[in-house]
Amino acid sequence: MIKVSMPAWIIHLRRVSLLLIAIITAIAGCSEEQRFPETRRVVDRVTEAEVRAFLAVAASFPEAQSVMPGLQPSPPEWNTHRTLPVQEMAAEERKLLADRVTHDQILRRLPESREFLRALRRERMSASQFAGLWLTLAAAINRSTVKEDSLIDSILQRSQPPLAELDRDTRVFASLAPETSHDIQRQAAWIALADRAAWLKLVPPSNVERVAAFQEELNKIFPKELSTYPFLPFADLLEDEGTPFEELPESGRDTDLKIEI
């Protein structure tokens, strides 16, 4: 039998073709394996498909409201016996706020039940992506309670002078007179206030519209405090700074309170 050798260029072409087929198959497999390729952040726009997938997974996590950490800011309560300088206590307060709710913290609180893991696989979503969506949607829910867009910018601007003063204050907190330490703590409330305003400023308007469309379903998952006005604990401070805090004329509910500039 006479063996006919195949030309080298044909062999090379076949190898290239097989390699391309393998690459295309691998890409198709990856897209099939992971439906959402990115982990969302607060600043990212969320799609309707992502919200629906999130809700489908969250249905296997009924204890979410009680397990997830609280997010609402509150004025600081510093121990008057602390011997740190005021500037260091202010830095410590900022770190506490930054560490209060992070992606990794949410991730650690997710269940390891078969139902939850099965739901993730069904929606082709990773636990990290679910945690990212949780934070992104939480911010959008809280942002939806602030109807005055200009208020956020106003808070960020007005907070700069008092925060700068705190950063320059080298006095030991425990050495201050009671009246002075009270004033310092009141001034330090701007830390949490500005932190929340900066967080809400990151939220895209489209995300606020998105959570409004799924409000009933999301309210069953997220802590109820997210649906309350975030600046309510700082009403006195804002009034003293020239930002009147008033109730809407036809309602006496705290959830209907607003700040007018």
C-alpha atoms as a PDB file:
ATOM      1  CA  MET A   1       0.000   0.000   0.000  1.00  0.00           C
ATOM      2  CA  ILE A   2       1.312   3.415  -0.948  1.00  0.00           C
ATOM      3  CA  LYS A   3       1.129   5.976   1.823  1.00  0.00           C
ATOM      4  CA  VAL A   4       0.360   9.510   0.698  1.00  0.00           C
ATOM      5  CA  SER A   5       1.778  12.148   3.026  1.00  0.00           C
ATOM      6  CA  MET A   6      -0.404  15.138   3.742  1.00  0.00           C
ATOM      7  CA  PRO A   7       1.135  18.522   2.901  1.00  0.00           C
ATOM      8  CA  ALA A   8       2.503  20.378   5.917  1.00  0.00           C
ATOM      9  CA  TRP A   9       0.290  23.411   5.354  1.00  0.00           C
ATOM     10  CA  ILE A  10      -2.853  21.272   5.517  1.00  0.00           C
ATOM     11  CA  ILE A  11      -1.689  19.702   8.780  1.00  0.00           C
ATOM     12  CA  HIS A  12      -1.008  23.159  10.185  1.00  0.00           C
ATOM     13  CA  LEU A  13      -4.444  24.397   9.058  1.00  0.00           C
ATOM     14  CA  ARG A  14      -6.167  21.463  10.745  1.00  0.00           C
ATOM     15  CA  ARG A  15      -4.302  22.111  13.993  1.00  0.00           C
ATOM     16  CA  VAL A  16      -5.297  25.782  13.928  1.00  0.00           C
ATOM     17  CA  SER A  17      -8.915  24.837  13.233  1.00  0.00           C
ATOM     18  CA  LEU A  18      -9.005  22.408  16.155  1.00  0.00           C
ATOM     19  CA  LEU A  19      -7.467  25.035  18.424  1.00  0.00           C
ATOM     20  CA  LEU A  20     -10.100  27.602  17.412  1.00  0.00           C
ATOM     21  CA  ILE A  21     -12.890  25.091  18.035  1.00  0.00           C
ATOM     22  CA  ALA A  22     -11.481  24.352  21.506  1.00  0.00           C
ATOM     23  CA  ILE A  23     -11.286  28.069  22.346  1.00  0.00           C
ATOM     24  CA  ILE A  24     -14.840  28.730  21.152  1.00  0.00           C
ATOM     25  CA  THR A  25     -16.122  25.737  23.125  1.00  0.00           C
ATOM     26  CA  ALA A  26     -14.338  26.902  26.270  1.00  0.00           C
ATOM     27  CA  ILE A  27     -15.770  30.413  25.936  1.00  0.00           C
ATOM     28  CA  ALA A  28     -19.263  29.029  25.412  1.00  0.00           C
ATOM     29  CA  GLY A  29     -18.845  26.786  28.435  1.00  0.00           C
ATOM     30  CA  CYS A  30     -17.743  29.678  30.629  1.00  0.00           C
ATOM     31  CA  SER A  31     -20.667  31.870  29.602  1.00  0.00           C
ATOM     32  CA  GLU A  32     -23.013  28.992  30.274  1.00  0.00           C
ATOM     33  CA  GLU A  33     -21.427  28.354  33.647  1.00  0.00           C
ATOM     34  CA  GLN A  34     -21.561  31.970  34.859  1.00  0.00           C
ATOM     35  CA  ARG A  35     -24.577  34.031  33.903  1.00  0.00           C
ATOM     36  CA  PHE A  36     -23.306  37.313  35.399  1.00  0.00           C
ATOM     37  CA  PRO A  37     -19.571  37.779  34.810  1.00  0.00           C
ATOM     38  CA  GLU A  38     -19.102  40.754  37.162  1.00  0.00           C
ATOM     39  CA  THR A  39     -19.472  41.408  40.881  1.00  0.00           C
ATOM     40  CA  ARG A  40     -21.577  44.546  41.228  1.00  0.00           C
ATOM     41  CA  ARG A  41     -20.578  47.583  43.267  1.00  0.00           C
ATOM     42  CA  VAL A  42     -22.783  50.377  44.603  1.00  0.00           C
ATOM     43  CA  VAL A  43     -21.829  52.590  41.670  1.00  0.00           C
ATOM     44  CA  ASP A  44     -22.787  49.980  39.034  1.00  0.00           C
ATOM     45  CA  ARG A  45     -26.105  49.914  37.192  1.00  0.00           C
ATOM     46  CA  VAL A  46     -28.157  46.814  37.947  1.00  0.00           C
ATOM     47  CA  THR A  47     -30.267  45.095  35.295  1.00  0.00           C
ATOM     48  CA  GLU A  48     -33.748  43.679  35.717  1.00  0.00           C
ATOM     49  CA  ALA A  49     -32.370  40.187  35.047  1.00  0.00           C
ATOM     50  CA  GLU A  50     -29.890  40.592  37.912  1.00  0.00           C
ATOM     51  CA  VAL A  51     -32.600  41.679  40.336  1.00  0.00           C
ATOM     52  CA  ARG A  52     -34.798  38.732  39.373  1.00  0.00           C
ATOM     53  CA  ALA A  53     -31.886  36.303  39.770  1.00  0.00           C
ATOM     54  CA  PHE A  54     -31.028  37.885  43.126  1.00  0.00           C
ATOM     55  CA  LEU A  55     -34.605  37.452  44.327  1.00  0.00           C
ATOM     56  CA  ALA A  56     -34.633  33.830  43.177  1.00  0.00           C
ATOM     57  CA  VAL A  57     -31.511  33.084  45.219  1.00  0.00           C
ATOM     58  CA  ALA A  58     -32.668  35.159  48.205  1.00  0.00           C
ATOM     59  CA  ALA A  59     -35.821  33.046  48.421  1.00  0.00           C
ATOM     60  CA  SER A  60     -33.592  30.296  49.846  1.00  0.00           C
ATOM     61  CA  PHE A  61     -32.257  32.691  52.491  1.00  0.00           C
ATOM     62  CA  PRO A  62     -35.341  33.543  54.600  1.00  0.00           C
ATOM     63  CA  GLU A  63     -33.289  34.632  57.617  1.00  0.00           C
ATOM     64  CA  ALA A  64     -31.569  37.428  55.661  1.00  0.00           C
ATOM     65  CA  GLN A  65     -33.338  40.265  57.510  1.00  0.00           C
ATOM     66  CA  SER A  66     -32.092  39.092  60.879  1.00  0.00           C
ATOM     67  CA  VAL A  67     -28.636  37.895  59.809  1.00  0.00           C
ATOM     68  CA  MET A  68     -27.450  40.828  57.725  1.00  0.00           C
ATOM     69  CA  PRO A  69     -25.824  43.777  59.544  1.00  0.00           C
ATOM     70  CA  GLY A  70     -27.544  47.084  60.171  1.00  0.00           C
ATOM     71  CA  LEU A  71     -26.674  49.886  57.814  1.00  0.00           C
ATOM     72  CA  GLN A  72     -28.270  53.012  59.213  1.00  0.00           C
ATOM     73  CA  PRO A  73     -25.817  55.621  60.523  1.00  0.00           C
ATOM     74  CA  SER A  74     -26.052  57.112  63.993  1.00  0.00           C
ATOM     75  CA  PRO A  75     -24.227  59.850  65.936  1.00  0.00           C
ATOM     76  CA  PRO A  76     -21.134  58.620  67.800  1.00  0.00           C
ATOM     77  CA  GLU A  77     -21.153  57.814  71.510  1.00  0.00           C
ATOM     78  CA  TRP A  78     -17.589  58.293  72.667  1.00  0.00           C
ATOM     79  CA  ASN A  79     -16.537  57.276  76.159  1.00  0.00           C
ATOM     80  CA  THR A  80     -15.468  60.430  77.981  1.00  0.00           C
ATOM     81  CA  HIS A  81     -12.600  58.518  79.594  1.00  0.00           C
ATOM     82  CA  ARG A  82     -10.878  57.783  76.287  1.00  0.00           C
ATOM     83  CA  THR A  83      -7.285  59.026  76.384  1.00  0.00           C
ATOM     84  CA  LEU A  84      -6.778  59.309  72.641  1.00  0.00           C
ATOM     85  CA  PRO A  85      -6.451  62.682  70.933  1.00  0.00           C
ATOM     86  CA  VAL A  86      -9.623  63.905  69.258  1.00  0.00           C
ATOM     87  CA  GLN A  87      -8.074  63.570  65.788  1.00  0.00           C
ATOM     88  CA  GLU A  88      -7.299  59.885  66.425  1.00  0.00           C
ATOM     89  CA  MET A  89     -10.804  59.217  67.707  1.00  0.00           C
ATOM     90  CA  ALA A  90     -12.182  60.805  64.554  1.00  0.00           C
ATOM     91  CA  ALA A  91      -9.956  58.554  62.441  1.00  0.00           C
ATOM     92  CA  GLU A  92     -11.101  55.552  64.474  1.00  0.00           C
ATOM     93  CA  GLU A  93     -14.745  56.504  63.879  1.00  0.00           C
ATOM     94  CA  ARG A  94     -14.155  56.647  60.137  1.00  0.00           C
ATOM     95  CA  LYS A  95     -12.575  53.200  60.172  1.00  0.00           C
ATOM     96  CA  LEU A  96     -15.478  51.752  62.144  1.00  0.00           C
ATOM     97  CA  LEU A  97     -17.880  53.116  59.532  1.00  0.00           C
ATOM     98  CA  ALA A  98     -15.771  51.802  56.668  1.00  0.00           C
ATOM     99  CA  ASP A  99     -15.592  48.327  58.228  1.00  0.00           C
ATOM    100  CA  ARG A 100     -19.244  48.269  59.282  1.00  0.00           C
ATOM    101  CA  VAL A 101     -20.569  46.814  56.046  1.00  0.00           C
ATOM    102  CA  THR A 102     -18.191  45.497  53.416  1.00  0.00           C
ATOM    103  CA  HIS A 103     -18.480  42.975  50.626  1.00  0.00           C
ATOM    104  CA  ASP A 104     -16.425  40.434  52.586  1.00  0.00           C
ATOM    105  CA  GLN A 105     -18.549  40.941  55.680  1.00  0.00           C
ATOM    106  CA  ILE A 106     -21.724  40.234  53.722  1.00  0.00           C
ATOM    107  CA  LEU A 107     -20.058  37.236  52.111  1.00  0.00           C
ATOM    108  CA  ARG A 108     -19.185  35.749  55.520  1.00  0.00           C
ATOM    109  CA  ARG A 109     -22.800  35.995  56.657  1.00  0.00           C
ATOM    110  CA  LEU A 110     -24.241  34.073  53.731  1.00  0.00           C
ATOM    111  CA  PRO A 111     -25.597  30.601  54.534  1.00  0.00           C
ATOM    112  CA  GLU A 112     -23.907  27.384  53.495  1.00  0.00           C
ATOM    113  CA  SER A 113     -27.142  25.442  53.236  1.00  0.00           C
ATOM    114  CA  ARG A 114     -27.778  23.116  50.327  1.00  0.00           C
ATOM    115  CA  GLU A 115     -30.823  25.153  49.351  1.00  0.00           C
ATOM    116  CA  PHE A 116     -28.827  28.379  49.063  1.00  0.00           C
ATOM    117  CA  LEU A 117     -25.928  26.792  47.167  1.00  0.00           C
ATOM    118  CA  ARG A 118     -28.376  25.029  44.853  1.00  0.00           C
ATOM    119  CA  ALA A 119     -30.118  28.347  44.173  1.00  0.00           C
ATOM    120  CA  LEU A 120     -26.790  29.963  43.294  1.00  0.00           C
ATOM    121  CA  ARG A 121     -25.990  27.180  40.842  1.00  0.00           C
ATOM    122  CA  ARG A 122     -29.453  27.386  39.319  1.00  0.00           C
ATOM    123  CA  GLU A 123     -29.063  31.117  38.649  1.00  0.00           C
ATOM    124  CA  ARG A 124     -25.398  30.645  37.640  1.00  0.00           C
ATOM    125  CA  MET A 125     -24.344  33.211  40.233  1.00  0.00           C
ATOM    126  CA  SER A 126     -21.417  33.079  42.646  1.00  0.00           C
ATOM    127  CA  ALA A 127     -21.709  33.856  46.353  1.00  0.00           C
ATOM    128  CA  SER A 128     -19.453  36.872  45.773  1.00  0.00           C
ATOM    129  CA  GLN A 129     -21.828  38.191  43.101  1.00  0.00           C
ATOM    130  CA  PHE A 130     -24.801  37.728  45.408  1.00  0.00           C
ATOM    131  CA  ALA A 131     -23.003  39.697  48.145  1.00  0.00           C
ATOM    132  CA  GLY A 132     -22.179  42.441  45.655  1.00  0.00           C
ATOM    133  CA  LEU A 133     -25.793  42.683  44.555  1.00  0.00           C
ATOM    134  CA  TRP A 134     -26.926  42.733  48.173  1.00  0.00           C
ATOM    135  CA  LEU A 135     -24.832  45.825  48.914  1.00  0.00           C
ATOM    136  CA  THR A 136     -25.712  47.511  45.616  1.00  0.00           C
ATOM    137  CA  LEU A 137     -29.451  47.027  46.084  1.00  0.00           C
ATOM    138  CA  ALA A 138     -29.247  47.988  49.774  1.00  0.00           C
ATOM    139  CA  ALA A 139     -27.708  51.329  48.833  1.00  0.00           C
ATOM    140  CA  ALA A 140     -30.368  51.909  46.179  1.00  0.00           C
ATOM    141  CA  ILE A 141     -33.176  51.145  48.650  1.00  0.00           C
ATOM    142  CA  ASN A 142     -31.753  53.604  51.180  1.00  0.00           C
ATOM    143  CA  ARG A 143     -31.156  56.198  48.459  1.00  0.00           C
ATOM    144  CA  SER A 144     -34.813  55.964  47.410  1.00  0.00           C
ATOM    145  CA  THR A 145     -35.860  57.413  50.781  1.00  0.00           C
ATOM    146  CA  VAL A 146     -34.013  60.692  50.079  1.00  0.00           C
ATOM    147  CA  LYS A 147     -36.118  62.674  47.630  1.00  0.00           C
ATOM    148  CA  GLU A 148     -34.012  65.843  47.804  1.00  0.00           C
ATOM    149  CA  ASP A 149     -31.047  65.303  45.477  1.00  0.00           C
ATOM    150  CA  SER A 150     -29.441  68.608  46.460  1.00  0.00           C
ATOM    151  CA  LEU A 151     -29.428  67.624  50.152  1.00  0.00           C
ATOM    152  CA  ILE A 152     -26.667  65.066  49.657  1.00  0.00           C
ATOM    153  CA  ASP A 153     -24.353  67.610  48.030  1.00  0.00           C
ATOM    154  CA  SER A 154     -25.231  70.125  50.736  1.00  0.00           C
ATOM    155  CA  ILE A 155     -24.296  67.688  53.515  1.00  0.00           C
ATOM    156  CA  LEU A 156     -20.991  66.829  51.866  1.00  0.00           C
ATOM    157  CA  GLN A 157     -20.136  70.498  51.489  1.00  0.00           C
ATOM    158  CA  ARG A 158     -21.206  71.547  55.007  1.00  0.00           C
ATOM    159  CA  SER A 159     -19.350  68.655  56.613  1.00  0.00           C
ATOM    160  CA  GLN A 160     -15.923  69.739  55.372  1.00  0.00           C
ATOM    161  CA  PRO A 161     -15.165  72.520  57.935  1.00  0.00           C
ATOM    162  CA  PRO A 162     -16.166  70.563  61.081  1.00  0.00           C
ATOM    163  CA  LEU A 163     -14.373  67.425  59.859  1.00  0.00           C
ATOM    164  CA  ALA A 164     -11.236  69.414  59.117  1.00  0.00           C
ATOM    165  CA  GLU A 165     -11.345  70.843  62.654  1.00  0.00           C
ATOM    166  CA  LEU A 166     -11.576  67.342  64.115  1.00  0.00           C
ATOM    167  CA  ASP A 167      -8.573  66.211  62.089  1.00  0.00           C
ATOM    168  CA  ARG A 168      -6.517  69.095  63.502  1.00  0.00           C
ATOM    169  CA  ASP A 169      -7.604  68.666  67.127  1.00  0.00           C
ATOM    170  CA  THR A 170      -4.745  67.160  69.148  1.00  0.00           C
ATOM    171  CA  ARG A 171      -6.396  67.552  72.562  1.00  0.00           C
ATOM    172  CA  VAL A 172      -6.808  64.377  74.627  1.00  0.00           C
ATOM    173  CA  PHE A 173     -10.520  63.652  74.716  1.00  0.00           C
ATOM    174  CA  ALA A 174     -10.571  62.630  78.412  1.00  0.00           C
ATOM    175  CA  SER A 175      -9.009  65.950  79.407  1.00  0.00           C
ATOM    176  CA  LEU A 176     -11.851  68.030  78.002  1.00  0.00           C
ATOM    177  CA  ALA A 177     -14.528  69.659  80.136  1.00  0.00           C
ATOM    178  CA  PRO A 178     -17.956  67.950  79.917  1.00  0.00           C
ATOM    179  CA  GLU A 179     -19.418  70.765  77.839  1.00  0.00           C
ATOM    180  CA  THR A 180     -16.489  70.668  75.439  1.00  0.00           C
ATOM    181  CA  SER A 181     -16.559  66.884  75.029  1.00  0.00           C
ATOM    182  CA  HIS A 182     -20.288  67.110  74.338  1.00  0.00           C
ATOM    183  CA  ASP A 183     -19.665  69.687  71.627  1.00  0.00           C
ATOM    184  CA  ILE A 184     -16.902  67.551  70.118  1.00  0.00           C
ATOM    185  CA  GLN A 185     -19.170  64.504  69.944  1.00  0.00           C
ATOM    186  CA  ARG A 186     -21.855  66.612  68.342  1.00  0.00           C
ATOM    187  CA  GLN A 187     -19.319  67.832  65.811  1.00  0.00           C
ATOM    188  CA  ALA A 188     -18.178  64.241  65.205  1.00  0.00           C
ATOM    189  CA  ALA A 189     -21.710  63.357  64.090  1.00  0.00           C
ATOM    190  CA  TRP A 190     -20.707  64.890  60.760  1.00  0.00           C
ATOM    191  CA  ILE A 191     -18.459  61.846  60.212  1.00  0.00           C
ATOM    192  CA  ALA A 192     -21.370  59.409  59.978  1.00  0.00           C
ATOM    193  CA  LEU A 193     -23.560  61.968  58.235  1.00  0.00           C
ATOM    194  CA  ALA A 194     -20.988  62.661  55.519  1.00  0.00           C
ATOM    195  CA  ASP A 195     -20.171  58.962  55.190  1.00  0.00           C
ATOM    196  CA  ARG A 196     -23.795  58.101  54.455  1.00  0.00           C
ATOM    197  CA  ALA A 197     -24.219  61.038  52.065  1.00  0.00           C
ATOM    198  CA  ALA A 198     -21.106  59.960  50.134  1.00  0.00           C
ATOM    199  CA  TRP A 199     -22.400  56.355  49.966  1.00  0.00           C
ATOM    200  CA  LEU A 200     -25.791  57.428  48.642  1.00  0.00           C
ATOM    201  CA  LYS A 201     -24.225  59.770  46.103  1.00  0.00           C
ATOM    202  CA  LEU A 202     -22.665  56.731  44.385  1.00  0.00           C
ATOM    203  CA  VAL A 203     -26.063  55.197  43.582  1.00  0.00           C
ATOM    204  CA  PRO A 204     -27.110  55.541  39.918  1.00  0.00           C
ATOM    205  CA  PRO A 205     -30.672  56.932  39.441  1.00  0.00           C
ATOM    206  CA  SER A 206     -31.535  53.856  37.378  1.00  0.00           C
ATOM    207  CA  ASN A 207     -30.929  51.644  40.419  1.00  0.00           C
ATOM    208  CA  VAL A 208     -33.422  53.691  42.449  1.00  0.00           C
ATOM    209  CA  GLU A 209     -36.004  53.104  39.729  1.00  0.00           C
ATOM    210  CA  ARG A 210     -35.085  49.436  39.628  1.00  0.00           C
ATOM    211  CA  VAL A 211     -35.649  48.811  43.343  1.00  0.00           C
ATOM    212  CA  ALA A 212     -38.913  50.759  43.188  1.00  0.00           C
ATOM    213  CA  ALA A 213     -40.194  48.262  40.618  1.00  0.00           C
ATOM    214  CA  PHE A 214     -39.402  45.374  42.990  1.00  0.00           C
ATOM    215  CA  GLN A 215     -40.148  47.156  46.261  1.00  0.00           C
ATOM    216  CA  GLU A 216     -42.555  44.593  47.700  1.00  0.00           C
ATOM    217  CA  GLU A 217     -40.236  41.639  47.047  1.00  0.00           C
ATOM    218  CA  LEU A 218     -37.098  43.432  48.262  1.00  0.00           C
ATOM    219  CA  ASN A 219     -38.756  44.606  51.475  1.00  0.00           C
ATOM    220  CA  LYS A 220     -39.111  40.955  52.488  1.00  0.00           C
ATOM    221  CA  ILE A 221     -35.358  40.418  52.204  1.00  0.00           C
ATOM    222  CA  PHE A 222     -33.573  43.554  53.385  1.00  0.00           C
ATOM    223  CA  PRO A 223     -33.544  44.971  56.930  1.00  0.00           C
ATOM    224  CA  LYS A 224     -36.481  47.310  57.445  1.00  0.00           C
ATOM    225  CA  GLU A 225     -34.216  50.132  58.602  1.00  0.00           C
ATOM    226  CA  LEU A 226     -32.981  50.576  55.029  1.00  0.00           C
ATOM    227  CA  SER A 227     -36.417  51.870  54.080  1.00  0.00           C
ATOM    228  CA  THR A 228     -36.282  54.623  56.716  1.00  0.00           C
ATOM    229  CA  TYR A 229     -34.894  58.113  56.240  1.00  0.00           C
ATOM    230  CA  PRO A 230     -31.108  57.886  56.853  1.00  0.00           C
ATOM    231  CA  PHE A 231     -30.657  61.459  58.103  1.00  0.00           C
ATOM    232  CA  LEU A 232     -33.382  61.326  60.767  1.00  0.00           C
ATOM    233  CA  PRO A 233     -30.912  60.763  63.685  1.00  0.00           C
ATOM    234  CA  PHE A 234     -29.122  63.970  62.683  1.00  0.00           C
ATOM    235  CA  ALA A 235     -32.156  66.258  62.571  1.00  0.00           C
ATOM    236  CA  ASP A 236     -30.982  68.517  65.416  1.00  0.00           C
ATOM    237  CA  LEU A 237     -27.519  68.911  63.931  1.00  0.00           C
ATOM    238  CA  LEU A 238     -28.853  69.824  60.516  1.00  0.00           C
ATOM    239  CA  GLU A 239     -31.317  72.318  61.986  1.00  0.00           C
ATOM    240  CA  ASP A 240     -28.521  74.007  63.927  1.00  0.00           C
ATOM    241  CA  GLU A 241     -26.565  74.282  60.702  1.00  0.00           C
ATOM    242  CA  GLY A 242     -29.424  76.067  58.983  1.00  0.00           C
ATOM    243  CA  THR A 243     -31.147  73.095  57.353  1.00  0.00           C
ATOM    244  CA  PRO A 244     -34.710  72.964  58.748  1.00  0.00           C
ATOM    245  CA  PHE A 245     -36.112  69.525  59.411  1.00  0.00           C
ATOM    246  CA  GLU A 246     -39.891  69.365  58.994  1.00  0.00           C
ATOM    247  CA  GLU A 247     -42.703  66.899  58.614  1.00  0.00           C
ATOM    248  CA  LEU A 248     -44.717  66.740  55.477  1.00  0.00           C
ATOM    249  CA  PRO A 249     -47.988  68.670  55.970  1.00  0.00           C
ATOM    250  CA  GLU A 250     -50.347  65.721  55.655  1.00  0.00           C
ATOM    251  CA  SER A 251     -48.455  63.076  57.598  1.00  0.00           C
ATOM    252  CA  GLY A 252     -46.988  62.603  61.033  1.00  0.00           C
ATOM    253  CA  ARG A 253     -45.034  59.440  60.256  1.00  0.00           C
ATOM    254  CA  ASP A 254     -41.263  59.462  60.714  1.00  0.00           C
ATOM    255  CA  THR A 255     -40.858  57.717  57.367  1.00  0.00           C
ATOM    256  CA  ASP A 256     -42.454  60.715  55.684  1.00  0.00           C
ATOM    257  CA  LEU A 257     -40.087  63.253  57.205  1.00  0.00           C
ATOM    258  CA  LYS A 258     -37.892  65.308  54.941  1.00  0.00           C
ATOM    259  CA  ILE A 259     -35.216  67.936  55.103  1.00  0.00           C
ATOM    260  CA  GLU A 260     -35.689  71.064  53.057  1.00  0.00           C
ATOM    261  CA  ILE A 261     -32.805  73.198  51.951  1.00  0.00           C
END
